Amino acid sequence: MKRRYLSFIALAITIFYGVGFAAFDETPQGYAAIGGAVVALSWIAVGVFGRDDDSGRRRRRRERRDGRV
């Protein structure tokens, strides 16, 4: 999956986690630990499963280096 999409999903999870603190008068027990773990795992997934878009400068540089251009 493209890194851009995964980053957007991870950012949305992070924002909703923060909004959850404001939405509850008294945060449920374990909310911070469980929510923090979910946020951390979402950003780890961005790093592990995210694929960079291989267009633009990198591709052209590689093509020049390999003599394809």
N, C-alpha and C. Protein backbone atom coordinates (compact mmCIF):
# COMPACT_ATOMS: atom_id res chain seq x y z
N MET A 1 0.85 -1.17 0.00
CA MET A 1 0.00 0.00 0.00
C MET A 1 0.90 1.24 0.00
N LYS A 2 0.44 2.27 -0.64
CA LYS A 2 1.26 3.47 -0.71
C LYS A 2 1.39 4.11 0.66
N ARG A 3 2.56 4.62 0.93
CA ARG A 3 2.85 5.25 2.21
C ARG A 3 1.93 6.44 2.48
N ARG A 4 1.54 7.14 1.44
CA ARG A 4 0.68 8.31 1.60
C ARG A 4 -0.66 7.92 2.23
N TYR A 5 -1.26 6.82 1.76
CA TYR A 5 -2.55 6.38 2.29
C TYR A 5 -2.42 5.87 3.73
N LEU A 6 -1.38 5.09 3.97
CA LEU A 6 -1.17 4.59 5.32
C LEU A 6 -0.90 5.73 6.30
N SER A 7 -0.17 6.74 5.87
CA SER A 7 0.10 7.88 6.73
C SER A 7 -1.18 8.63 7.05
N PHE A 8 -2.06 8.77 6.07
CA PHE A 8 -3.34 9.44 6.31
C PHE A 8 -4.18 8.66 7.31
N ILE A 9 -4.22 7.35 7.18
CA ILE A 9 -4.98 6.52 8.12
C ILE A 9 -4.39 6.62 9.53
N ALA A 10 -3.07 6.55 9.63
CA ALA A 10 -2.42 6.66 10.94
C ALA A 10 -2.66 8.04 11.56
N LEU A 11 -2.64 9.07 10.75
CA LEU A 11 -2.91 10.41 11.26
C LEU A 11 -4.35 10.53 11.76
N ALA A 12 -5.29 9.95 11.03
CA ALA A 12 -6.69 9.97 11.45
C ALA A 12 -6.87 9.22 12.77
N ILE A 13 -6.22 8.08 12.93
CA ILE A 13 -6.29 7.32 14.18
C ILE A 13 -5.72 8.15 15.32
N THR A 14 -4.61 8.82 15.08
CA THR A 14 -3.98 9.65 16.11
C THR A 14 -4.90 10.80 16.51
N ILE A 15 -5.52 11.43 15.53
CA ILE A 15 -6.42 12.55 15.83
C ILE A 15 -7.63 12.08 16.62
N PHE A 16 -8.23 10.96 16.20
CA PHE A 16 -9.40 10.45 16.93
C PHE A 16 -9.04 10.02 18.34
N TYR A 17 -7.84 9.52 18.53
CA TYR A 17 -7.37 9.16 19.87
C TYR A 17 -7.30 10.40 20.75
N GLY A 18 -6.74 11.48 20.21
CA GLY A 18 -6.66 12.73 20.97
C GLY A 18 -8.03 13.33 21.24
N VAL A 19 -8.93 13.25 20.27
CA VAL A 19 -10.29 13.77 20.45
C VAL A 19 -11.02 12.96 21.50
N GLY A 20 -10.69 11.70 21.60
CA GLY A 20 -11.32 10.85 22.62
C GLY A 20 -11.08 11.35 24.02
N PHE A 21 -9.92 11.91 24.28
CA PHE A 21 -9.64 12.47 25.60
C PHE A 21 -10.53 13.67 25.88
N ALA A 22 -10.79 14.48 24.87
CA ALA A 22 -11.63 15.65 25.06
C ALA A 22 -13.11 15.28 25.14
N ALA A 23 -13.49 14.18 24.48
CA ALA A 23 -14.90 13.78 24.44
C ALA A 23 -15.38 13.19 25.76
N PHE A 24 -14.51 12.53 26.47
CA PHE A 24 -14.89 11.91 27.75
C PHE A 24 -14.61 12.87 28.89
N ASP A 25 -15.59 13.01 29.78
CA ASP A 25 -15.33 13.79 30.99
C ASP A 25 -14.32 13.05 31.86
N GLU A 26 -14.56 11.78 31.99
CA GLU A 26 -13.65 10.93 32.75
C GLU A 26 -13.23 9.80 31.82
N THR A 27 -11.97 9.75 31.44
CA THR A 27 -11.54 8.75 30.47
C THR A 27 -11.63 7.36 31.09
N PRO A 28 -12.08 6.39 30.31
CA PRO A 28 -12.19 5.02 30.81
C PRO A 28 -10.82 4.46 31.20
N GLN A 29 -10.86 3.55 32.14
CA GLN A 29 -9.61 2.94 32.59
C GLN A 29 -9.00 2.14 31.44
N GLY A 30 -7.75 2.31 31.20
CA GLY A 30 -7.04 1.61 30.14
C GLY A 30 -7.09 2.30 28.79
N TYR A 31 -7.82 3.41 28.69
CA TYR A 31 -7.95 4.12 27.40
C TYR A 31 -6.59 4.61 26.92
N ALA A 32 -5.82 5.16 27.83
CA ALA A 32 -4.51 5.72 27.44
C ALA A 32 -3.57 4.62 26.95
N ALA A 33 -3.54 3.51 27.66
CA ALA A 33 -2.61 2.44 27.30
C ALA A 33 -3.03 1.75 25.99
N ILE A 34 -4.29 1.41 25.89
CA ILE A 34 -4.76 0.71 24.69
C ILE A 34 -4.73 1.65 23.48
N GLY A 35 -5.21 2.87 23.66
CA GLY A 35 -5.20 3.83 22.55
C GLY A 35 -3.79 4.17 22.11
N GLY A 36 -2.88 4.32 23.07
CA GLY A 36 -1.49 4.61 22.73
C GLY A 36 -0.85 3.46 21.95
N ALA A 37 -1.20 2.24 22.31
CA ALA A 37 -0.66 1.07 21.60
C ALA A 37 -1.21 1.03 20.17
N VAL A 38 -2.49 1.35 20.00
CA VAL A 38 -3.09 1.35 18.67
C VAL A 38 -2.44 2.43 17.79
N VAL A 39 -2.23 3.60 18.36
CA VAL A 39 -1.58 4.68 17.61
C VAL A 39 -0.15 4.29 17.23
N ALA A 40 0.57 3.73 18.18
CA ALA A 40 1.96 3.31 17.89
C ALA A 40 1.99 2.25 16.81
N LEU A 41 1.10 1.27 16.88
CA LEU A 41 1.07 0.22 15.86
C LEU A 41 0.69 0.76 14.49
N SER A 42 -0.18 1.76 14.47
CA SER A 42 -0.54 2.33 13.16
C SER A 42 0.66 3.03 12.52
N TRP A 43 1.45 3.74 13.31
CA TRP A 43 2.63 4.40 12.72
C TRP A 43 3.73 3.40 12.40
N ILE A 44 3.84 2.33 13.16
CA ILE A 44 4.79 1.28 12.81
C ILE A 44 4.40 0.64 11.48
N ALA A 45 3.09 0.44 11.28
CA ALA A 45 2.61 -0.13 10.02
C ALA A 45 2.97 0.75 8.84
N VAL A 46 2.95 2.06 9.05
CA VAL A 46 3.35 2.98 7.97
C VAL A 46 4.79 2.70 7.57
N GLY A 47 5.65 2.53 8.55
CA GLY A 47 7.06 2.29 8.25
C GLY A 47 7.33 0.92 7.67
N VAL A 48 6.59 -0.08 8.13
CA VAL A 48 6.86 -1.45 7.69
C VAL A 48 6.20 -1.77 6.35
N PHE A 49 4.93 -1.41 6.20
CA PHE A 49 4.18 -1.81 5.02
C PHE A 49 4.06 -0.73 3.95
N GLY A 50 4.43 0.49 4.28
CA GLY A 50 4.29 1.57 3.32
C GLY A 50 5.31 1.48 2.22
N ARG A 51 4.83 1.61 0.99
CA ARG A 51 5.73 1.62 -0.16
C ARG A 51 5.78 3.03 -0.72
N ASP A 52 6.98 3.50 -0.99
CA ASP A 52 7.14 4.82 -1.58
C ASP A 52 6.71 4.77 -3.03
N ASP A 53 6.18 5.87 -3.50
CA ASP A 53 5.85 6.00 -4.91
C ASP A 53 7.17 6.13 -5.65
N ASP A 54 7.46 5.20 -6.53
CA ASP A 54 8.76 5.15 -7.19
C ASP A 54 8.75 5.91 -8.51
N SER A 55 8.16 7.08 -8.48
CA SER A 55 8.17 7.89 -9.68
C SER A 55 9.01 9.13 -9.43
N GLY A 56 9.22 9.89 -10.46
CA GLY A 56 9.93 11.15 -10.28
C GLY A 56 11.43 10.99 -10.31
N ARG A 57 12.09 11.74 -9.45
CA ARG A 57 13.55 11.84 -9.47
C ARG A 57 14.25 10.51 -9.27
N ARG A 58 13.78 9.72 -8.30
CA ARG A 58 14.48 8.46 -8.04
C ARG A 58 14.48 7.54 -9.25
N ARG A 59 13.31 7.43 -9.90
CA ARG A 59 13.23 6.56 -11.07
C ARG A 59 14.12 7.08 -12.19
N ARG A 60 14.08 8.39 -12.44
CA ARG A 60 14.92 8.96 -13.51
C ARG A 60 16.40 8.78 -13.19
N ARG A 61 16.75 8.97 -11.92
CA ARG A 61 18.15 8.80 -11.53
C ARG A 61 18.59 7.35 -11.76
N ARG A 62 17.73 6.43 -11.39
CA ARG A 62 18.07 5.01 -11.56
C ARG A 62 18.16 4.66 -13.04
N GLU A 63 17.28 5.22 -13.86
CA GLU A 63 17.32 4.95 -15.29
C GLU A 63 18.60 5.50 -15.90
N ARG A 64 19.01 6.69 -15.49
CA ARG A 64 20.27 7.25 -16.01
C ARG A 64 21.46 6.41 -15.58
N ARG A 65 21.42 5.98 -14.32
CA ARG A 65 22.53 5.19 -13.80
C ARG A 65 22.65 3.86 -14.55
N ASP A 66 21.49 3.25 -14.87
CA ASP A 66 21.50 1.95 -15.55
C ASP A 66 21.62 2.08 -17.05
N GLY A 67 21.65 3.29 -17.57
CA GLY A 67 21.83 3.52 -18.99
C GLY A 67 20.57 3.31 -19.82
N ARG A 68 19.42 3.44 -19.21
CA ARG A 68 18.18 3.26 -19.95
C ARG A 68 17.71 4.53 -20.64
N VAL A 69 18.27 5.67 -20.28
CA VAL A 69 17.82 6.94 -20.87
C VAL A 69 18.83 7.39 -21.90
